[in-house]
Amino acid sequence: MSTAKKRGFSLSDLPNSVFAFLLVFLIASIWVPRFLSPGNLSTLLLQASILTILSIGMSLTLISGGIDLSMGGVLSMCGVIMALCLSQGMHAGWAILIGLASGALFGMMNGIFITKMKVPAFIATFGSMGIAQSIANTLSNKRTLYWEEGSHSALVNFLGGDILRWEMGDNASMIFYVPFLVLLTIVVVGLVIVLFKKTVLGSYCFAIGENEETARLCGIATSRWQIFLYAFSGAMAALAGLLVLIRTNSMQPTSGDMLEFQAVVAAVLGGNALEGGKGSLYGAIFGALTLYAVRSALTLQGIDTSATMIVIGGVLVVGMVLNELAARHEKKVLGRR
């Protein structure tokens, strides 16, 4: 009979992004006026939903030893495709399915190039980002797309509504609301986490990321799983494009610009190592919340977008340093046992 004791929970088990989020939230609450206003918190949740969807897809590719830099371009492309379908009077349900399928197919192509043609993931997805963005620009003629509201767009209108609305005052900043898009994000992310924890998805991702050849010798169809993961990443980018489309009730062909970079930052801040084999989906979620807490605080202080991107870049460096320190600490602990 084994006499080993099960190790209890400790704060060190939490992803770095949890502490980063709490720190940023505390500082912003003290120093930034209106940061804690109901309206701003609602906007924070809504905007973070888009990056959360992207960071979950990015996390799976990072854990498996890859990276998907095409997510921003795919978001724009699939959003434009869905908007075009709506503008032509197509039912919103079909438009959404076509958009999601387009993202999954594009991601599958990334996976095939990476696994079958042995193109490095960074190069393959960076190139496909440009292709997807060019498709978005071409289909939209570089213009914002709109559609006439009608019975065919009823689903989009419904998803753009709120499941909860609490007016605490006459000012818009005093209205707390929870959009359907936030609920949709919670449901999707919850399903992915369950699959990651309760099926072979998680263990296979870690195995492939730690050593692809060893995973293959253990009977894992590494190429098929990698293709699936990139297809899933593409579908998540398309879903994020849907959220952008519903939130703005329109679609700009450049909506995904730099979002792949922010997804990488959120994932790395959450403990996902760029070399693969290590990561946390929960960490990526808090990474996304941290980034948008930073963006919200800087925006309320009147700081422009360029300075915000500098801060986000700094967050990426800090996240990588924290991951390295955590890895060294873990090695020391294991060495003492």
C-alpha atoms as a PDB file:
ATOM      1  CA  MET A   1       0.000   0.000   0.000  1.00  0.00           C
ATOM      2  CA  SER A   2       1.340   3.412  -0.918  1.00  0.00           C
ATOM      3  CA  THR A   3       2.143   5.677   2.040  1.00  0.00           C
ATOM      4  CA  ALA A   4       2.678   8.814  -0.023  1.00  0.00           C
ATOM      5  CA  LYS A   5       0.672  11.740   1.154  1.00  0.00           C
ATOM      6  CA  LYS A   6      -1.238  13.864  -1.275  1.00  0.00           C
ATOM      7  CA  ARG A   7       0.250  17.336  -1.396  1.00  0.00           C
ATOM      8  CA  GLY A   8      -2.143  20.045  -0.301  1.00  0.00           C
ATOM      9  CA  PHE A   9      -3.001  23.170  -2.226  1.00  0.00           C
ATOM     10  CA  SER A  10      -0.634  26.132  -1.983  1.00  0.00           C
ATOM     11  CA  LEU A  11      -0.576  29.609  -3.497  1.00  0.00           C
ATOM     12  CA  SER A  12       2.400  28.572  -5.645  1.00  0.00           C
ATOM     13  CA  ASP A  13       0.020  26.281  -7.559  1.00  0.00           C
ATOM     14  CA  LEU A  14      -1.805  29.302  -8.954  1.00  0.00           C
ATOM     15  CA  PRO A  15      -0.726  30.707 -12.344  1.00  0.00           C
ATOM     16  CA  ASN A  16       1.349  33.901 -12.312  1.00  0.00           C
ATOM     17  CA  SER A  17      -1.468  35.718 -14.076  1.00  0.00           C
ATOM     18  CA  VAL A  18      -3.760  35.375 -11.046  1.00  0.00           C
ATOM     19  CA  PHE A  19      -1.396  37.447  -8.916  1.00  0.00           C
ATOM     20  CA  ALA A  20      -0.733  39.841 -11.799  1.00  0.00           C
ATOM     21  CA  PHE A  21      -4.468  40.416 -12.252  1.00  0.00           C
ATOM     22  CA  LEU A  22      -5.058  41.016  -8.548  1.00  0.00           C
ATOM     23  CA  LEU A  23      -2.138  43.458  -8.403  1.00  0.00           C
ATOM     24  CA  VAL A  24      -3.229  45.391 -11.506  1.00  0.00           C
ATOM     25  CA  PHE A  25      -6.856  45.438 -10.351  1.00  0.00           C
ATOM     26  CA  LEU A  26      -5.865  46.737  -6.910  1.00  0.00           C
ATOM     27  CA  ILE A  27      -3.593  49.475  -8.274  1.00  0.00           C
ATOM     28  CA  ALA A  28      -6.137  50.562 -10.897  1.00  0.00           C
ATOM     29  CA  SER A  29      -8.925  50.619  -8.307  1.00  0.00           C
ATOM     30  CA  ILE A  30      -6.916  52.995  -6.105  1.00  0.00           C
ATOM     31  CA  TRP A  31      -5.331  55.295  -8.673  1.00  0.00           C
ATOM     32  CA  VAL A  32      -7.703  55.385 -11.650  1.00  0.00           C
ATOM     33  CA  PRO A  33     -10.995  57.273 -11.274  1.00  0.00           C
ATOM     34  CA  ARG A  34     -14.085  55.412 -12.515  1.00  0.00           C
ATOM     35  CA  PHE A  35     -12.188  52.122 -12.905  1.00  0.00           C
ATOM     36  CA  LEU A  36     -14.566  50.437 -10.451  1.00  0.00           C
ATOM     37  CA  SER A  37     -17.661  52.010 -11.969  1.00  0.00           C
ATOM     38  CA  PRO A  38     -20.282  49.391 -12.935  1.00  0.00           C
ATOM     39  CA  GLY A  39     -20.217  50.445 -16.575  1.00  0.00           C
ATOM     40  CA  ASN A  40     -16.432  50.120 -16.858  1.00  0.00           C
ATOM     41  CA  LEU A  41     -16.399  46.690 -15.200  1.00  0.00           C
ATOM     42  CA  SER A  42     -19.081  45.515 -17.629  1.00  0.00           C
ATOM     43  CA  THR A  43     -17.079  46.833 -20.582  1.00  0.00           C
ATOM     44  CA  LEU A  44     -13.948  45.151 -19.209  1.00  0.00           C
ATOM     45  CA  LEU A  45     -15.681  41.762 -19.098  1.00  0.00           C
ATOM     46  CA  LEU A  46     -17.051  42.184 -22.617  1.00  0.00           C
ATOM     47  CA  GLN A  47     -13.757  43.229 -24.180  1.00  0.00           C
ATOM     48  CA  ALA A  48     -11.791  40.567 -22.307  1.00  0.00           C
ATOM     49  CA  SER A  49     -14.156  37.886 -23.664  1.00  0.00           C
ATOM     50  CA  ILE A  50     -12.716  38.277 -27.166  1.00  0.00           C
ATOM     51  CA  LEU A  51      -9.112  37.945 -26.000  1.00  0.00           C
ATOM     52  CA  THR A  52     -10.056  35.069 -23.679  1.00  0.00           C
ATOM     53  CA  ILE A  53     -11.367  33.057 -26.628  1.00  0.00           C
ATOM     54  CA  LEU A  54      -8.180  33.748 -28.589  1.00  0.00           C
ATOM     55  CA  SER A  55      -5.866  32.981 -25.656  1.00  0.00           C
ATOM     56  CA  ILE A  56      -7.512  29.604 -25.061  1.00  0.00           C
ATOM     57  CA  GLY A  57      -6.829  28.578 -28.668  1.00  0.00           C
ATOM     58  CA  MET A  58      -3.308  29.990 -28.437  1.00  0.00           C
ATOM     59  CA  SER A  59      -2.649  28.128 -25.181  1.00  0.00           C
ATOM     60  CA  LEU A  60      -3.428  24.736 -26.708  1.00  0.00           C
ATOM     61  CA  THR A  61      -0.989  25.309 -29.576  1.00  0.00           C
ATOM     62  CA  LEU A  62       1.698  26.608 -27.199  1.00  0.00           C
ATOM     63  CA  ILE A  63       1.330  23.672 -24.810  1.00  0.00           C
ATOM     64  CA  SER A  64       1.723  21.267 -27.743  1.00  0.00           C
ATOM     65  CA  GLY A  65       4.957  22.986 -28.788  1.00  0.00           C
ATOM     66  CA  GLY A  66       3.595  25.221 -31.560  1.00  0.00           C
ATOM     67  CA  ILE A  67       2.296  28.732 -31.979  1.00  0.00           C
ATOM     68  CA  ASP A  68      -0.487  30.298 -34.054  1.00  0.00           C
ATOM     69  CA  LEU A  69       0.318  33.813 -35.224  1.00  0.00           C
ATOM     70  CA  SER A  70      -2.479  33.749 -37.792  1.00  0.00           C
ATOM     71  CA  MET A  71      -5.276  34.203 -35.260  1.00  0.00           C
ATOM     72  CA  GLY A  72      -5.648  37.955 -35.760  1.00  0.00           C
ATOM     73  CA  GLY A  73      -5.842  37.611 -39.538  1.00  0.00           C
ATOM     74  CA  VAL A  74      -8.254  34.682 -39.304  1.00  0.00           C
ATOM     75  CA  LEU A  75     -10.462  36.714 -36.942  1.00  0.00           C
ATOM     76  CA  SER A  76     -10.663  39.503 -39.509  1.00  0.00           C
ATOM     77  CA  MET A  77     -11.202  37.131 -42.452  1.00  0.00           C
ATOM     78  CA  CYS A  78     -13.943  35.073 -40.816  1.00  0.00           C
ATOM     79  CA  GLY A  79     -15.653  38.155 -39.438  1.00  0.00           C
ATOM     80  CA  VAL A  80     -15.721  39.673 -42.923  1.00  0.00           C
ATOM     81  CA  ILE A  81     -17.086  36.425 -44.382  1.00  0.00           C
ATOM     82  CA  MET A  82     -19.908  36.344 -41.831  1.00  0.00           C
ATOM     83  CA  ALA A  83     -20.677  40.038 -42.366  1.00  0.00           C
ATOM     84  CA  LEU A  84     -20.795  39.553 -46.155  1.00  0.00           C
ATOM     85  CA  CYS A  85     -23.188  36.637 -45.760  1.00  0.00           C
ATOM     86  CA  LEU A  86     -25.440  38.758 -43.550  1.00  0.00           C
ATOM     87  CA  SER A  87     -25.321  41.670 -45.995  1.00  0.00           C
ATOM     88  CA  GLN A  88     -26.551  39.312 -48.717  1.00  0.00           C
ATOM     89  CA  GLY A  89     -29.575  38.332 -46.631  1.00  0.00           C
ATOM     90  CA  MET A  90     -28.305  34.917 -45.523  1.00  0.00           C
ATOM     91  CA  HIS A  91     -29.731  33.593 -42.245  1.00  0.00           C
ATOM     92  CA  ALA A  92     -27.418  34.395 -39.333  1.00  0.00           C
ATOM     93  CA  GLY A  93     -27.187  30.735 -38.325  1.00  0.00           C
ATOM     94  CA  TRP A  94     -25.764  29.742 -41.706  1.00  0.00           C
ATOM     95  CA  ALA A  95     -23.487  32.786 -41.796  1.00  0.00           C
ATOM     96  CA  ILE A  96     -22.040  31.841 -38.422  1.00  0.00           C
ATOM     97  CA  LEU A  97     -21.510  28.203 -39.450  1.00  0.00           C
ATOM     98  CA  ILE A  98     -19.746  29.272 -42.646  1.00  0.00           C
ATOM     99  CA  GLY A  99     -17.512  31.642 -40.679  1.00  0.00           C
ATOM    100  CA  LEU A 100     -16.577  29.037 -38.066  1.00  0.00           C
ATOM    101  CA  ALA A 101     -15.946  26.415 -40.763  1.00  0.00           C
ATOM    102  CA  SER A 102     -13.732  28.860 -42.660  1.00  0.00           C
ATOM    103  CA  GLY A 103     -11.626  29.430 -39.558  1.00  0.00           C
ATOM    104  CA  ALA A 104     -11.301  25.709 -38.844  1.00  0.00           C
ATOM    105  CA  LEU A 105     -10.353  24.987 -42.457  1.00  0.00           C
ATOM    106  CA  PHE A 106      -7.740  27.730 -42.476  1.00  0.00           C
ATOM    107  CA  GLY A 107      -6.301  26.397 -39.213  1.00  0.00           C
ATOM    108  CA  MET A 108      -6.262  22.886 -40.641  1.00  0.00           C
ATOM    109  CA  MET A 109      -4.195  24.149 -43.564  1.00  0.00           C
ATOM    110  CA  ASN A 110      -1.729  25.611 -41.066  1.00  0.00           C
ATOM    111  CA  GLY A 111      -1.494  22.239 -39.354  1.00  0.00           C
ATOM    112  CA  ILE A 112      -0.889  20.418 -42.642  1.00  0.00           C
ATOM    113  CA  PHE A 113       1.892  22.809 -43.660  1.00  0.00           C
ATOM    114  CA  ILE A 114       3.528  22.409 -40.250  1.00  0.00           C
ATOM    115  CA  THR A 115       3.238  18.628 -39.871  1.00  0.00           C
ATOM    116  CA  LYS A 116       3.417  17.340 -43.442  1.00  0.00           C
ATOM    117  CA  MET A 117       5.655  19.926 -45.105  1.00  0.00           C
ATOM    118  CA  LYS A 118       7.736  20.544 -41.972  1.00  0.00           C
ATOM    119  CA  VAL A 119       7.404  24.329 -42.151  1.00  0.00           C
ATOM    120  CA  PRO A 120       8.242  25.850 -38.729  1.00  0.00           C
ATOM    121  CA  ALA A 121       5.058  26.902 -36.946  1.00  0.00           C
ATOM    122  CA  PHE A 122       6.259  30.479 -36.525  1.00  0.00           C
ATOM    123  CA  ILE A 123       6.902  30.887 -40.260  1.00  0.00           C
ATOM    124  CA  ALA A 124       3.804  29.011 -41.423  1.00  0.00           C
ATOM    125  CA  THR A 125       1.343  30.867 -39.224  1.00  0.00           C
ATOM    126  CA  PHE A 126       3.041  34.238 -39.704  1.00  0.00           C
ATOM    127  CA  GLY A 127       2.704  33.824 -43.460  1.00  0.00           C
ATOM    128  CA  SER A 128      -0.893  32.640 -43.232  1.00  0.00           C
ATOM    129  CA  MET A 129      -1.704  35.653 -41.058  1.00  0.00           C
ATOM    130  CA  GLY A 130      -0.831  37.866 -44.026  1.00  0.00           C
ATOM    131  CA  ILE A 131      -2.869  35.693 -46.377  1.00  0.00           C
ATOM    132  CA  ALA A 132      -5.948  35.781 -44.136  1.00  0.00           C
ATOM    133  CA  GLN A 133      -5.657  39.534 -43.670  1.00  0.00           C
ATOM    134  CA  SER A 134      -5.322  40.043 -47.430  1.00  0.00           C
ATOM    135  CA  ILE A 135      -8.457  37.967 -47.997  1.00  0.00           C
ATOM    136  CA  ALA A 136     -10.308  40.115 -45.457  1.00  0.00           C
ATOM    137  CA  ASN A 137      -9.164  43.329 -47.166  1.00  0.00           C
ATOM    138  CA  THR A 138     -10.054  42.028 -50.620  1.00  0.00           C
ATOM    139  CA  LEU A 139     -13.522  40.745 -49.722  1.00  0.00           C
ATOM    140  CA  SER A 140     -14.429  43.944 -47.895  1.00  0.00           C
ATOM    141  CA  ASN A 141     -12.696  46.383 -50.287  1.00  0.00           C
ATOM    142  CA  LYS A 142     -11.027  47.684 -47.132  1.00  0.00           C
ATOM    143  CA  ARG A 143     -14.348  49.079 -45.912  1.00  0.00           C
ATOM    144  CA  THR A 144     -16.400  48.509 -42.796  1.00  0.00           C
ATOM    145  CA  LEU A 145     -19.230  46.097 -43.537  1.00  0.00           C
ATOM    146  CA  TYR A 146     -22.833  46.589 -42.407  1.00  0.00           C
ATOM    147  CA  TRP A 147     -26.109  44.779 -43.074  1.00  0.00           C
ATOM    148  CA  GLU A 148     -29.765  45.640 -42.967  1.00  0.00           C
ATOM    149  CA  GLU A 149     -31.499  44.304 -39.891  1.00  0.00           C
ATOM    150  CA  GLY A 150     -34.287  41.822 -40.507  1.00  0.00           C
ATOM    151  CA  SER A 151     -35.535  38.380 -39.627  1.00  0.00           C
ATOM    152  CA  HIS A 152     -32.366  36.845 -41.079  1.00  0.00           C
ATOM    153  CA  SER A 153     -30.197  38.733 -38.518  1.00  0.00           C
ATOM    154  CA  ALA A 154     -32.449  38.113 -35.500  1.00  0.00           C
ATOM    155  CA  LEU A 155     -29.904  35.706 -33.962  1.00  0.00           C
ATOM    156  CA  VAL A 156     -27.169  38.336 -34.137  1.00  0.00           C
ATOM    157  CA  ASN A 157     -29.463  40.894 -32.531  1.00  0.00           C
ATOM    158  CA  PHE A 158     -30.386  38.429 -29.793  1.00  0.00           C
ATOM    159  CA  LEU A 159     -26.757  37.583 -29.003  1.00  0.00           C
ATOM    160  CA  GLY A 160     -25.994  41.282 -28.872  1.00  0.00           C
ATOM    161  CA  GLY A 161     -28.384  41.758 -25.964  1.00  0.00           C
ATOM    162  CA  ASP A 162     -27.899  41.448 -22.210  1.00  0.00           C
ATOM    163  CA  ILE A 163     -28.839  38.664 -19.814  1.00  0.00           C
ATOM    164  CA  LEU A 164     -28.622  41.047 -16.857  1.00  0.00           C
ATOM    165  CA  ARG A 165     -28.946  44.816 -16.609  1.00  0.00           C
ATOM    166  CA  TRP A 166     -28.855  46.746 -13.365  1.00  0.00           C
ATOM    167  CA  GLU A 167     -29.235  50.526 -13.476  1.00  0.00           C
ATOM    168  CA  MET A 168     -27.648  52.101 -10.403  1.00  0.00           C
ATOM    169  CA  GLY A 169     -28.047  55.667 -11.600  1.00  0.00           C
ATOM    170  CA  ASP A 170     -28.862  57.916 -14.534  1.00  0.00           C
ATOM    171  CA  ASN A 171     -25.290  58.011 -15.819  1.00  0.00           C
ATOM    172  CA  ALA A 172     -24.214  55.299 -18.317  1.00  0.00           C
ATOM    173  CA  SER A 173     -21.200  54.537 -16.137  1.00  0.00           C
ATOM    174  CA  MET A 174     -23.597  53.496 -13.365  1.00  0.00           C
ATOM    175  CA  ILE A 175     -25.248  50.744 -15.404  1.00  0.00           C
ATOM    176  CA  PHE A 176     -23.954  47.222 -14.771  1.00  0.00           C
ATOM    177  CA  TYR A 177     -24.792  44.704 -17.485  1.00  0.00           C
ATOM    178  CA  VAL A 178     -23.783  41.184 -18.466  1.00  0.00           C
ATOM    179  CA  PRO A 179     -24.011  40.633 -22.237  1.00  0.00           C
ATOM    180  CA  PHE A 180     -24.939  37.306 -23.815  1.00  0.00           C
ATOM    181  CA  LEU A 181     -21.457  37.350 -25.357  1.00  0.00           C
ATOM    182  CA  VAL A 182     -19.903  37.007 -21.900  1.00  0.00           C
ATOM    183  CA  LEU A 183     -22.173  34.029 -21.173  1.00  0.00           C
ATOM    184  CA  LEU A 184     -21.252  32.495 -24.536  1.00  0.00           C
ATOM    185  CA  THR A 185     -17.562  32.908 -23.704  1.00  0.00           C
ATOM    186  CA  ILE A 186     -18.012  31.264 -20.306  1.00  0.00           C
ATOM    187  CA  VAL A 187     -19.832  28.298 -21.858  1.00  0.00           C
ATOM    188  CA  VAL A 188     -17.242  27.775 -24.619  1.00  0.00           C
ATOM    189  CA  VAL A 189     -14.255  28.148 -22.303  1.00  0.00           C
ATOM    190  CA  GLY A 190     -15.899  25.873 -19.734  1.00  0.00           C
ATOM    191  CA  LEU A 191     -16.416  23.137 -22.333  1.00  0.00           C
ATOM    192  CA  VAL A 192     -12.809  23.395 -23.504  1.00  0.00           C
ATOM    193  CA  ILE A 193     -11.497  23.162 -19.934  1.00  0.00           C
ATOM    194  CA  VAL A 194     -13.654  20.087 -19.253  1.00  0.00           C
ATOM    195  CA  LEU A 195     -12.368  18.408 -22.417  1.00  0.00           C
ATOM    196  CA  PHE A 196      -8.802  19.376 -21.517  1.00  0.00           C
ATOM    197  CA  LYS A 197      -9.098  17.946 -18.008  1.00  0.00           C
ATOM    198  CA  LYS A 198     -11.385  14.946 -18.497  1.00  0.00           C
ATOM    199  CA  THR A 199     -10.241  13.553 -21.863  1.00  0.00           C
ATOM    200  CA  VAL A 200      -6.910  12.726 -23.485  1.00  0.00           C
ATOM    201  CA  LEU A 201      -6.761  16.214 -24.996  1.00  0.00           C
ATOM    202  CA  GLY A 202      -4.752  17.690 -22.133  1.00  0.00           C
ATOM    203  CA  SER A 203      -2.351  14.791 -21.635  1.00  0.00           C
ATOM    204  CA  TYR A 204      -1.700  14.519 -25.385  1.00  0.00           C
ATOM    205  CA  CYS A 205      -1.027  18.254 -25.675  1.00  0.00           C
ATOM    206  CA  PHE A 206       1.534  18.107 -22.865  1.00  0.00           C
ATOM    207  CA  ALA A 207       3.111  14.921 -24.238  1.00  0.00           C
ATOM    208  CA  ILE A 208       3.530  16.344 -27.749  1.00  0.00           C
ATOM    209  CA  GLY A 209       4.886  19.606 -26.371  1.00  0.00           C
ATOM    210  CA  GLU A 210       7.410  17.923 -24.091  1.00  0.00           C
ATOM    211  CA  ASN A 211       8.815  15.565 -26.726  1.00  0.00           C
ATOM    212  CA  GLU A 212       7.002  14.961 -30.009  1.00  0.00           C
ATOM    213  CA  GLU A 213       9.093  11.928 -30.970  1.00  0.00           C
ATOM    214  CA  THR A 214       8.567  10.235 -27.613  1.00  0.00           C
ATOM    215  CA  ALA A 215       4.847  10.925 -27.857  1.00  0.00           C
ATOM    216  CA  ARG A 216       4.780   9.321 -31.317  1.00  0.00           C
ATOM    217  CA  LEU A 217       6.626   6.234 -30.062  1.00  0.00           C
ATOM    218  CA  CYS A 218       4.046   5.970 -27.263  1.00  0.00           C
ATOM    219  CA  GLY A 219       1.308   5.564 -29.860  1.00  0.00           C
ATOM    220  CA  ILE A 220       0.022   9.135 -30.117  1.00  0.00           C
ATOM    221  CA  ALA A 221      -0.851  10.182 -33.678  1.00  0.00           C
ATOM    222  CA  THR A 222       1.078  13.419 -33.255  1.00  0.00           C
ATOM    223  CA  SER A 223       0.459  14.818 -36.749  1.00  0.00           C
ATOM    224  CA  ARG A 224      -3.296  14.271 -36.563  1.00  0.00           C
ATOM    225  CA  TRP A 225      -3.491  15.877 -33.146  1.00  0.00           C
ATOM    226  CA  GLN A 226      -1.437  18.871 -34.216  1.00  0.00           C
ATOM    227  CA  ILE A 227      -3.629  19.388 -37.277  1.00  0.00           C
ATOM    228  CA  PHE A 228      -6.688  19.162 -35.021  1.00  0.00           C
ATOM    229  CA  LEU A 229      -5.224  21.708 -32.585  1.00  0.00           C
ATOM    230  CA  TYR A 230      -4.522  24.222 -35.352  1.00  0.00           C
ATOM    231  CA  ALA A 231      -8.003  23.664 -36.779  1.00  0.00           C
ATOM    232  CA  PHE A 232      -9.414  24.288 -33.312  1.00  0.00           C
ATOM    233  CA  SER A 233      -7.290  27.429 -32.982  1.00  0.00           C
ATOM    234  CA  GLY A 234      -8.677  28.677 -36.295  1.00  0.00           C
ATOM    235  CA  ALA A 235     -12.227  27.992 -35.151  1.00  0.00           C
ATOM    236  CA  MET A 236     -11.603  29.915 -31.922  1.00  0.00           C
ATOM    237  CA  ALA A 237     -10.281  32.857 -33.948  1.00  0.00           C
ATOM    238  CA  ALA A 238     -13.448  32.727 -36.052  1.00  0.00           C
ATOM    239  CA  LEU A 239     -15.563  32.650 -32.883  1.00  0.00           C
ATOM    240  CA  ALA A 240     -13.698  35.716 -31.630  1.00  0.00           C
ATOM    241  CA  GLY A 241     -14.495  37.354 -34.964  1.00  0.00           C
ATOM    242  CA  LEU A 242     -18.171  36.580 -34.351  1.00  0.00           C
ATOM    243  CA  LEU A 243     -17.965  38.272 -30.950  1.00  0.00           C
ATOM    244  CA  VAL A 244     -16.433  41.375 -32.551  1.00  0.00           C
ATOM    245  CA  LEU A 245     -19.137  41.406 -35.232  1.00  0.00           C
ATOM    246  CA  ILE A 246     -21.958  41.123 -32.699  1.00  0.00           C
ATOM    247  CA  ARG A 247     -20.459  43.649 -30.277  1.00  0.00           C
ATOM    248  CA  THR A 248     -20.033  46.375 -32.920  1.00  0.00           C
ATOM    249  CA  ASN A 249     -22.961  45.325 -35.159  1.00  0.00           C
ATOM    250  CA  SER A 250     -20.533  45.725 -38.071  1.00  0.00           C
ATOM    251  CA  MET A 251     -17.164  44.365 -39.178  1.00  0.00           C
ATOM    252  CA  GLN A 252     -13.936  46.136 -39.973  1.00  0.00           C
ATOM    253  CA  PRO A 253     -11.380  44.176 -42.030  1.00  0.00           C
ATOM    254  CA  THR A 254      -8.640  45.198 -39.596  1.00  0.00           C
ATOM    255  CA  SER A 255     -10.435  44.161 -36.397  1.00  0.00           C
ATOM    256  CA  GLY A 256      -7.883  41.433 -35.667  1.00  0.00           C
ATOM    257  CA  ASP A 257      -4.762  43.586 -35.973  1.00  0.00           C
ATOM    258  CA  MET A 258      -2.233  42.733 -33.216  1.00  0.00           C
ATOM    259  CA  LEU A 259      -4.708  40.514 -31.361  1.00  0.00           C
ATOM    260  CA  GLU A 260      -2.533  37.443 -32.003  1.00  0.00           C
ATOM    261  CA  PHE A 261       0.280  39.247 -30.184  1.00  0.00           C
ATOM    262  CA  GLN A 262      -1.999  40.016 -27.254  1.00  0.00           C
ATOM    263  CA  ALA A 263      -3.156  36.376 -27.195  1.00  0.00           C
ATOM    264  CA  VAL A 264       0.478  35.268 -26.921  1.00  0.00           C
ATOM    265  CA  VAL A 265       1.039  37.747 -24.085  1.00  0.00           C
ATOM    266  CA  ALA A 266      -2.044  36.528 -22.215  1.00  0.00           C
ATOM    267  CA  ALA A 267      -1.041  32.882 -22.665  1.00  0.00           C
ATOM    268  CA  VAL A 268       2.586  33.417 -21.622  1.00  0.00           C
ATOM    269  CA  LEU A 269       1.553  35.524 -18.640  1.00  0.00           C
ATOM    270  CA  GLY A 270      -0.672  32.595 -17.669  1.00  0.00           C
ATOM    271  CA  GLY A 271       2.300  30.227 -17.513  1.00  0.00           C
ATOM    272  CA  ASN A 272       2.274  28.786 -21.024  1.00  0.00           C
ATOM    273  CA  ALA A 273       5.882  28.240 -22.086  1.00  0.00           C
ATOM    274  CA  LEU A 274       6.887  29.149 -25.643  1.00  0.00           C
ATOM    275  CA  GLU A 275       8.965  25.955 -25.863  1.00  0.00           C
ATOM    276  CA  GLY A 276       5.876  23.828 -25.154  1.00  0.00           C
ATOM    277  CA  GLY A 277       5.047  21.098 -22.688  1.00  0.00           C
ATOM    278  CA  LYS A 278       3.857  23.449 -19.955  1.00  0.00           C
ATOM    279  CA  GLY A 279       0.875  25.702 -19.496  1.00  0.00           C
ATOM    280  CA  SER A 280      -2.490  26.468 -17.974  1.00  0.00           C
ATOM    281  CA  LEU A 281      -5.825  27.357 -19.525  1.00  0.00           C
ATOM    282  CA  TYR A 282      -6.909  29.054 -16.297  1.00  0.00           C
ATOM    283  CA  GLY A 283      -3.731  31.100 -16.451  1.00  0.00           C
ATOM    284  CA  ALA A 284      -4.539  32.256 -19.981  1.00  0.00           C
ATOM    285  CA  ILE A 285      -7.975  33.442 -18.854  1.00  0.00           C
ATOM    286  CA  PHE A 286      -6.493  35.559 -16.070  1.00  0.00           C
ATOM    287  CA  GLY A 287      -3.811  36.718 -18.501  1.00  0.00           C
ATOM    288  CA  ALA A 288      -6.528  38.090 -20.782  1.00  0.00           C
ATOM    289  CA  LEU A 289      -8.277  39.765 -17.844  1.00  0.00           C
ATOM    290  CA  THR A 290      -4.972  41.302 -16.733  1.00  0.00           C
ATOM    291  CA  LEU A 291      -4.263  42.779 -20.158  1.00  0.00           C
ATOM    292  CA  TYR A 292      -7.695  44.331 -20.455  1.00  0.00           C
ATOM    293  CA  ALA A 293      -7.526  45.659 -16.910  1.00  0.00           C
ATOM    294  CA  VAL A 294      -4.285  47.378 -17.952  1.00  0.00           C
ATOM    295  CA  ARG A 295      -5.858  48.660 -21.184  1.00  0.00           C
ATOM    296  CA  SER A 296      -8.927  49.933 -19.349  1.00  0.00           C
ATOM    297  CA  ALA A 297      -6.875  51.744 -16.719  1.00  0.00           C
ATOM    298  CA  LEU A 298      -4.609  53.386 -19.306  1.00  0.00           C
ATOM    299  CA  THR A 299      -7.579  54.410 -21.462  1.00  0.00           C
ATOM    300  CA  LEU A 300      -9.356  56.014 -18.517  1.00  0.00           C
ATOM    301  CA  GLN A 301      -6.146  57.922 -17.800  1.00  0.00           C
ATOM    302  CA  GLY A 302      -6.109  59.245 -21.366  1.00  0.00           C
ATOM    303  CA  ILE A 303      -2.995  57.321 -22.450  1.00  0.00           C
ATOM    304  CA  ASP A 304      -2.901  56.563 -26.184  1.00  0.00           C
ATOM    305  CA  THR A 305      -2.777  53.166 -27.905  1.00  0.00           C
ATOM    306  CA  SER A 306       0.945  53.291 -28.722  1.00  0.00           C
ATOM    307  CA  ALA A 307       1.875  53.588 -25.065  1.00  0.00           C
ATOM    308  CA  THR A 308      -0.564  50.797 -24.251  1.00  0.00           C
ATOM    309  CA  MET A 309       1.218  48.434 -26.673  1.00  0.00           C
ATOM    310  CA  ILE A 310       4.539  49.307 -25.023  1.00  0.00           C
ATOM    311  CA  VAL A 311       3.076  48.282 -21.672  1.00  0.00           C
ATOM    312  CA  ILE A 312       1.689  45.047 -23.164  1.00  0.00           C
ATOM    313  CA  GLY A 313       5.119  44.249 -24.604  1.00  0.00           C
ATOM    314  CA  GLY A 314       6.589  44.807 -21.161  1.00  0.00           C
ATOM    315  CA  VAL A 315       3.997  42.458 -19.692  1.00  0.00           C
ATOM    316  CA  LEU A 316       5.148  39.756 -22.145  1.00  0.00           C
ATOM    317  CA  VAL A 317       8.768  40.122 -20.979  1.00  0.00           C
ATOM    318  CA  VAL A 318       7.703  40.036 -17.333  1.00  0.00           C
ATOM    319  CA  GLY A 319       5.595  36.946 -17.976  1.00  0.00           C
ATOM    320  CA  MET A 320       8.510  35.109 -19.593  1.00  0.00           C
ATOM    321  CA  VAL A 321      10.805  36.052 -16.694  1.00  0.00           C
ATOM    322  CA  LEU A 322       8.233  34.824 -14.161  1.00  0.00           C
ATOM    323  CA  ASN A 323       7.856  31.550 -16.066  1.00  0.00           C
ATOM    324  CA  GLU A 324      11.625  31.059 -16.029  1.00  0.00           C
ATOM    325  CA  LEU A 325      11.841  31.782 -12.312  1.00  0.00           C
ATOM    326  CA  ALA A 326       8.957  29.400 -11.625  1.00  0.00           C
ATOM    327  CA  ALA A 327      10.690  26.662 -13.674  1.00  0.00           C
ATOM    328  CA  ARG A 328      13.940  27.114 -11.737  1.00  0.00           C
ATOM    329  CA  HIS A 329      12.086  26.993  -8.423  1.00  0.00           C
ATOM    330  CA  GLU A 330      10.313  23.810  -9.483  1.00  0.00           C
ATOM    331  CA  LYS A 331      13.635  22.178 -10.422  1.00  0.00           C
ATOM    332  CA  LYS A 332      15.116  23.073  -7.026  1.00  0.00           C
ATOM    333  CA  VAL A 333      12.105  21.617  -5.207  1.00  0.00           C
ATOM    334  CA  LEU A 334      12.286  18.404  -7.222  1.00  0.00           C
ATOM    335  CA  GLY A 335      16.023  18.197  -6.613  1.00  0.00           C
ATOM    336  CA  ARG A 336      15.531  18.250  -2.850  1.00  0.00           C
ATOM    337  CA  ARG A 337      13.169  15.274  -2.936  1.00  0.00           C
END
